Amino acid sequence: MPCMNPTTPLPSLAGRRQLLTLATTGAAMLVAGCQLLPARHGAAGDPVYRRTAANHLYRKYPERIHKGMLPPMLYAIGVLEVMVDTSGRVASLRWLRAPSHAPEVVSQIERLVRQAAPFPAPATRTGYIDTWLWDRSGRFQLDTLTEGQLSG
């Protein structure tokens, strides 16, 4: 590994912060697994609709939402793509990262999404990708609206 040249100036504080932000964002995207996947025809990616859909799910299931910061160890994490037609019906579900160790969570999430329909009707068929953060209690938060996670 080459040694750093002592005459090469270090990036400014602002430059180091920008590099750290880029690295952190890239790592978060890689862990979430949703932004780095190639887009399909009609693939989900509407960030505005993602927030609309997340708020809709929170209104539908207030008793299922984990209040406050999530515990350090979650039971399951899954990344789900939901396509919604112009009437707000769920057109399709596709797991980008299913919690394979917890198949009961997969079926519960799918049931929650389908039963929450109709979603607010988009102008065109659209969709979104969100990460489901699932606690052992059966309560959840969506990454879009998460209150964070306790360190452990």
N, C-alpha and C. Protein backbone atom coordinates (compact mmCIF):
# COMPACT_ATOMS: atom_id res chain seq x y z
N MET A 1 0.85 -1.17 0.00
CA MET A 1 0.00 0.00 0.00
C MET A 1 0.89 1.23 0.00
N PRO A 2 0.63 2.18 -0.91
CA PRO A 2 1.51 3.34 -0.98
C PRO A 2 1.33 4.25 0.23
N CYS A 3 2.42 4.89 0.61
CA CYS A 3 2.36 5.84 1.72
C CYS A 3 1.82 7.17 1.21
N MET A 4 1.20 7.89 2.11
CA MET A 4 0.67 9.20 1.75
C MET A 4 1.82 10.18 1.62
N ASN A 5 1.81 10.96 0.59
CA ASN A 5 2.83 11.97 0.37
C ASN A 5 2.61 13.10 1.38
N PRO A 6 3.58 13.39 2.23
CA PRO A 6 3.39 14.41 3.26
C PRO A 6 3.16 15.81 2.69
N THR A 7 3.49 16.02 1.42
CA THR A 7 3.28 17.35 0.83
C THR A 7 1.89 17.49 0.20
N THR A 8 1.14 16.37 0.09
CA THR A 8 -0.21 16.43 -0.47
C THR A 8 -1.15 16.99 0.59
N PRO A 9 -1.84 18.09 0.27
CA PRO A 9 -2.73 18.67 1.28
C PRO A 9 -3.95 17.78 1.51
N LEU A 10 -4.40 17.76 2.75
CA LEU A 10 -5.61 17.02 3.10
C LEU A 10 -6.82 17.80 2.58
N PRO A 11 -7.91 17.09 2.25
CA PRO A 11 -9.11 17.82 1.84
C PRO A 11 -9.58 18.72 2.98
N SER A 12 -10.24 19.80 2.62
CA SER A 12 -10.78 20.72 3.63
C SER A 12 -11.79 19.99 4.50
N LEU A 13 -12.15 20.61 5.61
CA LEU A 13 -13.16 20.03 6.49
C LEU A 13 -14.46 19.81 5.73
N ALA A 14 -14.85 20.78 4.92
CA ALA A 14 -16.09 20.64 4.12
C ALA A 14 -15.95 19.48 3.14
N GLY A 15 -14.78 19.36 2.54
CA GLY A 15 -14.55 18.26 1.59
C GLY A 15 -14.60 16.91 2.28
N ARG A 16 -14.01 16.82 3.49
CA ARG A 16 -14.05 15.56 4.24
C ARG A 16 -15.47 15.22 4.63
N ARG A 17 -16.26 16.22 5.03
CA ARG A 17 -17.66 15.98 5.37
C ARG A 17 -18.44 15.49 4.17
N GLN A 18 -18.19 16.09 3.00
CA GLN A 18 -18.88 15.67 1.79
C GLN A 18 -18.51 14.23 1.43
N LEU A 19 -17.23 13.88 1.54
CA LEU A 19 -16.81 12.51 1.26
C LEU A 19 -17.46 11.53 2.25
N LEU A 20 -17.51 11.90 3.53
CA LEU A 20 -18.12 11.05 4.54
C LEU A 20 -19.61 10.88 4.25
N THR A 21 -20.28 11.96 3.86
CA THR A 21 -21.70 11.88 3.53
C THR A 21 -21.93 10.95 2.34
N LEU A 22 -21.11 11.09 1.31
CA LEU A 22 -21.24 10.22 0.14
C LEU A 22 -20.99 8.76 0.50
N ALA A 23 -19.97 8.51 1.31
CA ALA A 23 -19.67 7.13 1.71
C ALA A 23 -20.78 6.55 2.55
N THR A 24 -21.30 7.34 3.48
CA THR A 24 -22.39 6.86 4.35
C THR A 24 -23.64 6.59 3.54
N THR A 25 -23.98 7.49 2.64
CA THR A 25 -25.16 7.30 1.80
C THR A 25 -25.01 6.06 0.93
N GLY A 26 -23.85 5.89 0.33
CA GLY A 26 -23.61 4.71 -0.49
C GLY A 26 -23.71 3.42 0.31
N ALA A 27 -23.17 3.43 1.52
CA ALA A 27 -23.26 2.23 2.37
C ALA A 27 -24.69 1.95 2.76
N ALA A 28 -25.47 2.99 3.09
CA ALA A 28 -26.87 2.79 3.45
C ALA A 28 -27.66 2.25 2.26
N MET A 29 -27.37 2.75 1.07
CA MET A 29 -28.07 2.26 -0.12
C MET A 29 -27.71 0.80 -0.38
N LEU A 30 -26.45 0.46 -0.17
CA LEU A 30 -26.03 -0.92 -0.39
C LEU A 30 -26.71 -1.85 0.60
N VAL A 31 -26.77 -1.45 1.87
CA VAL A 31 -27.43 -2.27 2.89
C VAL A 31 -28.92 -2.41 2.59
N ALA A 32 -29.57 -1.30 2.23
CA ALA A 32 -31.00 -1.35 1.94
C ALA A 32 -31.26 -2.17 0.69
N GLY A 33 -30.32 -2.16 -0.23
CA GLY A 33 -30.44 -2.99 -1.42
C GLY A 33 -31.44 -2.49 -2.43
N CYS A 34 -32.02 -1.34 -2.24
CA CYS A 34 -33.09 -0.96 -3.16
C CYS A 34 -32.64 0.06 -4.20
N GLN A 35 -31.78 0.98 -3.89
CA GLN A 35 -31.42 1.99 -4.85
C GLN A 35 -30.35 1.52 -5.84
N LEU A 36 -29.66 0.46 -5.55
CA LEU A 36 -28.59 0.02 -6.42
C LEU A 36 -29.04 -1.04 -7.43
N LEU A 37 -30.28 -1.46 -7.34
CA LEU A 37 -30.76 -2.47 -8.27
C LEU A 37 -31.10 -1.82 -9.60
N PRO A 38 -30.89 -2.54 -10.71
CA PRO A 38 -31.24 -1.96 -12.00
C PRO A 38 -32.74 -1.73 -12.10
N ALA A 39 -33.11 -0.65 -12.76
CA ALA A 39 -34.53 -0.33 -12.91
C ALA A 39 -35.16 -1.24 -13.95
N ARG A 40 -36.39 -1.67 -13.68
CA ARG A 40 -37.17 -2.43 -14.64
C ARG A 40 -38.12 -1.47 -15.32
N HIS A 41 -38.71 -1.90 -16.42
CA HIS A 41 -39.74 -1.09 -17.06
C HIS A 41 -40.87 -0.90 -16.05
N GLY A 42 -41.22 0.34 -15.77
CA GLY A 42 -42.28 0.62 -14.81
C GLY A 42 -41.85 0.36 -13.37
N ALA A 43 -40.56 0.31 -13.13
CA ALA A 43 -40.08 -0.02 -11.78
C ALA A 43 -40.44 1.09 -10.80
N ALA A 44 -40.59 0.69 -9.58
CA ALA A 44 -40.94 1.63 -8.52
C ALA A 44 -39.77 2.56 -8.26
N GLY A 45 -40.07 3.78 -7.99
CA GLY A 45 -39.00 4.70 -7.67
C GLY A 45 -39.50 6.09 -7.38
N ASP A 46 -40.77 6.25 -7.10
CA ASP A 46 -41.34 7.56 -6.85
C ASP A 46 -41.21 7.90 -5.37
N PRO A 47 -40.25 8.76 -5.00
CA PRO A 47 -40.04 9.05 -3.58
C PRO A 47 -41.22 9.79 -2.95
N VAL A 48 -41.93 10.60 -3.72
CA VAL A 48 -43.10 11.30 -3.19
C VAL A 48 -44.21 10.29 -2.88
N TYR A 49 -44.44 9.38 -3.82
CA TYR A 49 -45.48 8.38 -3.59
C TYR A 49 -45.07 7.41 -2.47
N ARG A 50 -43.79 7.16 -2.33
CA ARG A 50 -43.30 6.30 -1.24
C ARG A 50 -43.75 6.85 0.11
N ARG A 51 -43.60 8.15 0.32
CA ARG A 51 -44.01 8.78 1.58
C ARG A 51 -45.53 8.74 1.72
N THR A 52 -46.25 8.97 0.62
CA THR A 52 -47.71 8.91 0.64
C THR A 52 -48.17 7.51 1.05
N ALA A 53 -47.57 6.49 0.46
CA ALA A 53 -47.94 5.11 0.76
C ALA A 53 -47.59 4.75 2.20
N ALA A 54 -46.44 5.19 2.67
CA ALA A 54 -46.03 4.90 4.05
C ALA A 54 -47.01 5.55 5.03
N ASN A 55 -47.38 6.78 4.79
CA ASN A 55 -48.36 7.45 5.66
C ASN A 55 -49.71 6.72 5.62
N HIS A 56 -50.10 6.24 4.45
CA HIS A 56 -51.34 5.49 4.32
C HIS A 56 -51.30 4.22 5.18
N LEU A 57 -50.20 3.48 5.12
CA LEU A 57 -50.06 2.26 5.93
C LEU A 57 -50.06 2.59 7.42
N TYR A 58 -49.43 3.66 7.82
CA TYR A 58 -49.41 4.05 9.23
C TYR A 58 -50.82 4.42 9.70
N ARG A 59 -51.59 5.09 8.85
CA ARG A 59 -52.98 5.43 9.23
C ARG A 59 -53.85 4.18 9.31
N LYS A 60 -53.59 3.21 8.44
CA LYS A 60 -54.39 1.97 8.43
C LYS A 60 -54.10 1.09 9.63
N TYR A 61 -52.86 1.08 10.08
CA TYR A 61 -52.45 0.16 11.14
C TYR A 61 -51.78 0.87 12.31
N PRO A 62 -52.44 1.84 12.94
CA PRO A 62 -51.76 2.58 14.02
C PRO A 62 -51.35 1.69 15.19
N GLU A 63 -52.10 0.62 15.44
CA GLU A 63 -51.78 -0.27 16.55
C GLU A 63 -50.57 -1.17 16.24
N ARG A 64 -50.19 -1.26 14.98
CA ARG A 64 -49.06 -2.12 14.59
C ARG A 64 -47.74 -1.34 14.48
N ILE A 65 -47.82 -0.02 14.57
CA ILE A 65 -46.62 0.79 14.41
C ILE A 65 -45.83 0.80 15.72
N HIS A 66 -44.55 0.51 15.64
CA HIS A 66 -43.66 0.57 16.81
C HIS A 66 -43.42 2.03 17.13
N LYS A 67 -43.80 2.46 18.31
CA LYS A 67 -43.62 3.85 18.73
C LYS A 67 -42.22 4.05 19.29
N GLY A 68 -41.60 5.13 18.89
CA GLY A 68 -40.26 5.45 19.39
C GLY A 68 -39.18 4.72 18.61
N MET A 69 -37.99 4.76 19.17
CA MET A 69 -36.85 4.14 18.50
C MET A 69 -36.96 2.62 18.59
N LEU A 70 -36.57 1.99 17.50
CA LEU A 70 -36.59 0.52 17.43
C LEU A 70 -35.48 -0.07 18.30
N PRO A 71 -35.65 -1.30 18.78
CA PRO A 71 -34.59 -1.94 19.57
C PRO A 71 -33.36 -2.21 18.70
N PRO A 72 -32.21 -2.44 19.33
CA PRO A 72 -30.98 -2.65 18.55
C PRO A 72 -31.02 -3.89 17.66
N MET A 73 -31.71 -4.92 18.08
CA MET A 73 -31.79 -6.14 17.27
C MET A 73 -33.24 -6.31 16.80
N LEU A 74 -33.44 -6.24 15.50
CA LEU A 74 -34.77 -6.43 14.94
C LEU A 74 -34.96 -7.89 14.58
N TYR A 75 -36.20 -8.33 14.60
CA TYR A 75 -36.50 -9.71 14.24
C TYR A 75 -36.35 -9.93 12.74
N ALA A 76 -36.81 -8.97 11.95
CA ALA A 76 -36.75 -9.14 10.49
C ALA A 76 -36.67 -7.78 9.81
N ILE A 77 -35.99 -7.78 8.68
CA ILE A 77 -35.90 -6.60 7.81
C ILE A 77 -36.16 -7.09 6.40
N GLY A 78 -37.06 -6.42 5.71
CA GLY A 78 -37.37 -6.81 4.34
C GLY A 78 -37.54 -5.61 3.46
N VAL A 79 -37.14 -5.75 2.21
CA VAL A 79 -37.27 -4.67 1.23
C VAL A 79 -38.29 -5.12 0.20
N LEU A 80 -39.39 -4.37 0.10
CA LEU A 80 -40.51 -4.76 -0.75
C LEU A 80 -40.82 -3.67 -1.76
N GLU A 81 -41.02 -4.10 -3.00
CA GLU A 81 -41.47 -3.21 -4.07
C GLU A 81 -42.98 -3.42 -4.22
N VAL A 82 -43.72 -2.33 -4.21
CA VAL A 82 -45.18 -2.38 -4.36
C VAL A 82 -45.54 -1.54 -5.58
N MET A 83 -46.25 -2.14 -6.52
CA MET A 83 -46.76 -1.42 -7.68
C MET A 83 -48.25 -1.17 -7.44
N VAL A 84 -48.68 0.06 -7.71
CA VAL A 84 -50.06 0.47 -7.47
C VAL A 84 -50.64 0.99 -8.79
N ASP A 85 -51.86 0.52 -9.11
CA ASP A 85 -52.50 1.00 -10.35
C ASP A 85 -53.21 2.33 -10.11
N THR A 86 -53.80 2.88 -11.15
CA THR A 86 -54.40 4.22 -11.07
C THR A 86 -55.64 4.29 -10.18
N SER A 87 -56.16 3.16 -9.76
CA SER A 87 -57.29 3.18 -8.83
C SER A 87 -56.83 2.94 -7.39
N GLY A 88 -55.52 2.80 -7.18
CA GLY A 88 -54.99 2.59 -5.84
C GLY A 88 -54.91 1.13 -5.44
N ARG A 89 -55.26 0.22 -6.36
CA ARG A 89 -55.16 -1.21 -6.04
C ARG A 89 -53.71 -1.67 -6.16
N VAL A 90 -53.36 -2.66 -5.36
CA VAL A 90 -52.02 -3.24 -5.42
C VAL A 90 -51.94 -4.11 -6.67
N ALA A 91 -51.11 -3.71 -7.62
CA ALA A 91 -50.96 -4.45 -8.87
C ALA A 91 -49.98 -5.61 -8.70
N SER A 92 -48.93 -5.40 -7.92
CA SER A 92 -47.97 -6.47 -7.70
C SER A 92 -47.09 -6.16 -6.50
N LEU A 93 -46.53 -7.23 -5.95
CA LEU A 93 -45.56 -7.15 -4.87
C LEU A 93 -44.33 -7.93 -5.32
N ARG A 94 -43.17 -7.40 -5.02
CA ARG A 94 -41.93 -8.13 -5.36
C ARG A 94 -40.92 -7.88 -4.26
N TRP A 95 -40.45 -8.97 -3.66
CA TRP A 95 -39.44 -8.87 -2.61
C TRP A 95 -38.08 -8.66 -3.24
N LEU A 96 -37.40 -7.60 -2.83
CA LEU A 96 -36.02 -7.36 -3.25
C LEU A 96 -35.06 -7.97 -2.23
N ARG A 97 -35.55 -8.05 -0.99
CA ARG A 97 -34.80 -8.72 0.08
C ARG A 97 -35.82 -9.21 1.09
N ALA A 98 -36.16 -10.47 1.00
CA ALA A 98 -37.14 -11.05 1.91
C ALA A 98 -36.43 -11.59 3.15
N PRO A 99 -37.05 -11.46 4.31
CA PRO A 99 -36.47 -12.05 5.51
C PRO A 99 -36.72 -13.57 5.48
N SER A 100 -35.87 -14.30 4.82
CA SER A 100 -36.08 -15.73 4.59
C SER A 100 -36.12 -16.54 5.88
N HIS A 101 -35.50 -16.04 6.95
CA HIS A 101 -35.54 -16.74 8.24
C HIS A 101 -36.90 -16.59 8.93
N ALA A 102 -37.75 -15.68 8.40
CA ALA A 102 -39.04 -15.41 9.04
C ALA A 102 -40.14 -15.39 7.98
N PRO A 103 -40.47 -16.55 7.42
CA PRO A 103 -41.49 -16.57 6.35
C PRO A 103 -42.85 -16.07 6.82
N GLU A 104 -43.13 -16.17 8.12
CA GLU A 104 -44.40 -15.67 8.62
C GLU A 104 -44.46 -14.15 8.53
N VAL A 105 -43.32 -13.48 8.61
CA VAL A 105 -43.28 -12.02 8.47
C VAL A 105 -43.55 -11.64 7.02
N VAL A 106 -42.99 -12.39 6.08
CA VAL A 106 -43.23 -12.14 4.66
C VAL A 106 -44.73 -12.18 4.38
N SER A 107 -45.40 -13.22 4.83
CA SER A 107 -46.83 -13.34 4.56
C SER A 107 -47.63 -12.26 5.30
N GLN A 108 -47.22 -11.89 6.51
CA GLN A 108 -47.93 -10.84 7.25
C GLN A 108 -47.81 -9.49 6.54
N ILE A 109 -46.61 -9.17 6.08
CA ILE A 109 -46.40 -7.90 5.38
C ILE A 109 -47.22 -7.87 4.09
N GLU A 110 -47.18 -8.95 3.33
CA GLU A 110 -47.96 -9.00 2.09
C GLU A 110 -49.45 -8.81 2.39
N ARG A 111 -49.93 -9.47 3.44
CA ARG A 111 -51.34 -9.34 3.81
C ARG A 111 -51.66 -7.90 4.22
N LEU A 112 -50.80 -7.28 5.02
CA LEU A 112 -51.02 -5.90 5.44
C LEU A 112 -51.10 -4.96 4.24
N VAL A 113 -50.19 -5.12 3.30
CA VAL A 113 -50.18 -4.24 2.13
C VAL A 113 -51.44 -4.44 1.30
N ARG A 114 -51.78 -5.68 1.01
CA ARG A 114 -52.97 -5.95 0.19
C ARG A 114 -54.25 -5.47 0.88
N GLN A 115 -54.36 -5.66 2.19
CA GLN A 115 -55.57 -5.25 2.91
C GLN A 115 -55.64 -3.73 3.10
N ALA A 116 -54.53 -3.03 2.93
CA ALA A 116 -54.52 -1.58 3.06
C ALA A 116 -55.07 -0.90 1.81
N ALA A 117 -55.22 -1.64 0.73
CA ALA A 117 -55.76 -1.08 -0.50
C ALA A 117 -57.23 -0.74 -0.32
N PRO A 118 -57.70 0.29 -0.98
CA PRO A 118 -56.97 1.05 -1.99
C PRO A 118 -56.05 2.09 -1.35
N PHE A 119 -54.88 2.24 -1.96
CA PHE A 119 -53.93 3.28 -1.59
C PHE A 119 -54.40 4.57 -2.28
N PRO A 120 -53.86 5.71 -1.89
CA PRO A 120 -54.18 6.93 -2.63
C PRO A 120 -53.87 6.71 -4.12
N ALA A 121 -54.81 7.05 -4.97
CA ALA A 121 -54.69 6.76 -6.40
C ALA A 121 -53.66 7.68 -7.07
N PRO A 122 -52.63 7.10 -7.66
CA PRO A 122 -51.65 7.92 -8.40
C PRO A 122 -52.20 8.26 -9.79
N ALA A 123 -51.64 9.27 -10.43
CA ALA A 123 -52.08 9.68 -11.76
C ALA A 123 -51.79 8.60 -12.80
N THR A 124 -50.69 7.90 -12.63
CA THR A 124 -50.33 6.79 -13.52
C THR A 124 -49.91 5.61 -12.65
N ARG A 125 -49.92 4.43 -13.24
CA ARG A 125 -49.43 3.26 -12.50
C ARG A 125 -48.04 3.60 -11.98
N THR A 126 -47.87 3.41 -10.71
CA THR A 126 -46.59 3.78 -10.11
C THR A 126 -46.30 2.81 -8.98
N GLY A 127 -45.21 3.03 -8.36
CA GLY A 127 -44.85 2.16 -7.27
C GLY A 127 -43.77 2.77 -6.41
N TYR A 128 -43.40 2.01 -5.44
CA TYR A 128 -42.39 2.47 -4.50
C TYR A 128 -41.70 1.26 -3.90
N ILE A 129 -40.55 1.52 -3.31
CA ILE A 129 -39.79 0.50 -2.59
C ILE A 129 -39.60 1.02 -1.18
N ASP A 130 -39.91 0.17 -0.21
CA ASP A 130 -39.68 0.57 1.18
C ASP A 130 -39.11 -0.60 1.95
N THR A 131 -38.40 -0.27 3.00
CA THR A 131 -37.80 -1.27 3.88
C THR A 131 -38.67 -1.40 5.12
N TRP A 132 -39.09 -2.64 5.40
CA TRP A 132 -39.91 -2.95 6.58
C TRP A 132 -38.98 -3.36 7.71
N LEU A 133 -39.09 -2.66 8.83
CA LEU A 133 -38.28 -2.93 10.02
C LEU A 133 -39.22 -3.56 11.05
N TRP A 134 -39.05 -4.85 11.30
CA TRP A 134 -40.03 -5.66 12.04
C TRP A 134 -39.47 -6.07 13.39
N ASP A 135 -40.21 -5.74 14.45
CA ASP A 135 -39.84 -6.09 15.81
C ASP A 135 -40.43 -7.46 16.18
N ARG A 136 -39.86 -8.13 17.17
CA ARG A 136 -40.38 -9.43 17.62
C ARG A 136 -41.84 -9.36 18.06
N SER A 137 -42.28 -8.19 18.50
CA SER A 137 -43.65 -8.01 18.97
C SER A 137 -44.67 -8.05 17.83
N GLY A 138 -44.18 -7.99 16.59
CA GLY A 138 -45.09 -7.92 15.45
C GLY A 138 -45.39 -6.49 15.02
N ARG A 139 -44.80 -5.54 15.73
CA ARG A 139 -44.95 -4.14 15.33
C ARG A 139 -43.81 -3.78 14.38
N PHE A 140 -44.02 -2.73 13.60
CA PHE A 140 -43.04 -2.38 12.59
C PHE A 140 -42.92 -0.87 12.43
N GLN A 141 -41.89 -0.49 11.73
CA GLN A 141 -41.74 0.85 11.18
C GLN A 141 -41.30 0.68 9.74
N LEU A 142 -41.62 1.65 8.93
CA LEU A 142 -41.12 1.68 7.56
C LEU A 142 -39.92 2.62 7.54
N ASP A 143 -38.93 2.27 6.76
CA ASP A 143 -37.72 3.08 6.70
C ASP A 143 -38.05 4.53 6.35
N THR A 144 -39.05 4.74 5.51
CA THR A 144 -39.44 6.09 5.11
C THR A 144 -39.84 6.95 6.30
N LEU A 145 -40.45 6.36 7.31
CA LEU A 145 -40.95 7.12 8.45
C LEU A 145 -40.33 6.69 9.78
N THR A 146 -39.22 5.98 9.72
CA THR A 146 -38.63 5.43 10.96
C THR A 146 -38.25 6.51 11.95
N GLU A 147 -38.32 6.16 13.21
CA GLU A 147 -37.89 7.05 14.28
C GLU A 147 -36.47 6.71 14.73
N GLY A 148 -35.82 5.80 14.00
CA GLY A 148 -34.45 5.43 14.32
C GLY A 148 -34.38 4.16 15.15
N GLN A 149 -33.15 3.81 15.50
CA GLN A 149 -32.91 2.57 16.20
C GLN A 149 -31.94 2.81 17.34
N LEU A 150 -32.21 2.20 18.48
CA LEU A 150 -31.32 2.30 19.62
C LEU A 150 -30.02 1.58 19.33
N SER A 151 -28.92 2.09 19.83
CA SER A 151 -27.66 1.38 19.65
C SER A 151 -27.54 0.31 20.74
N GLY A 152 -26.88 -0.74 20.41
CA GLY A 152 -26.81 -1.81 21.40
C GLY A 152 -25.53 -2.39 21.48
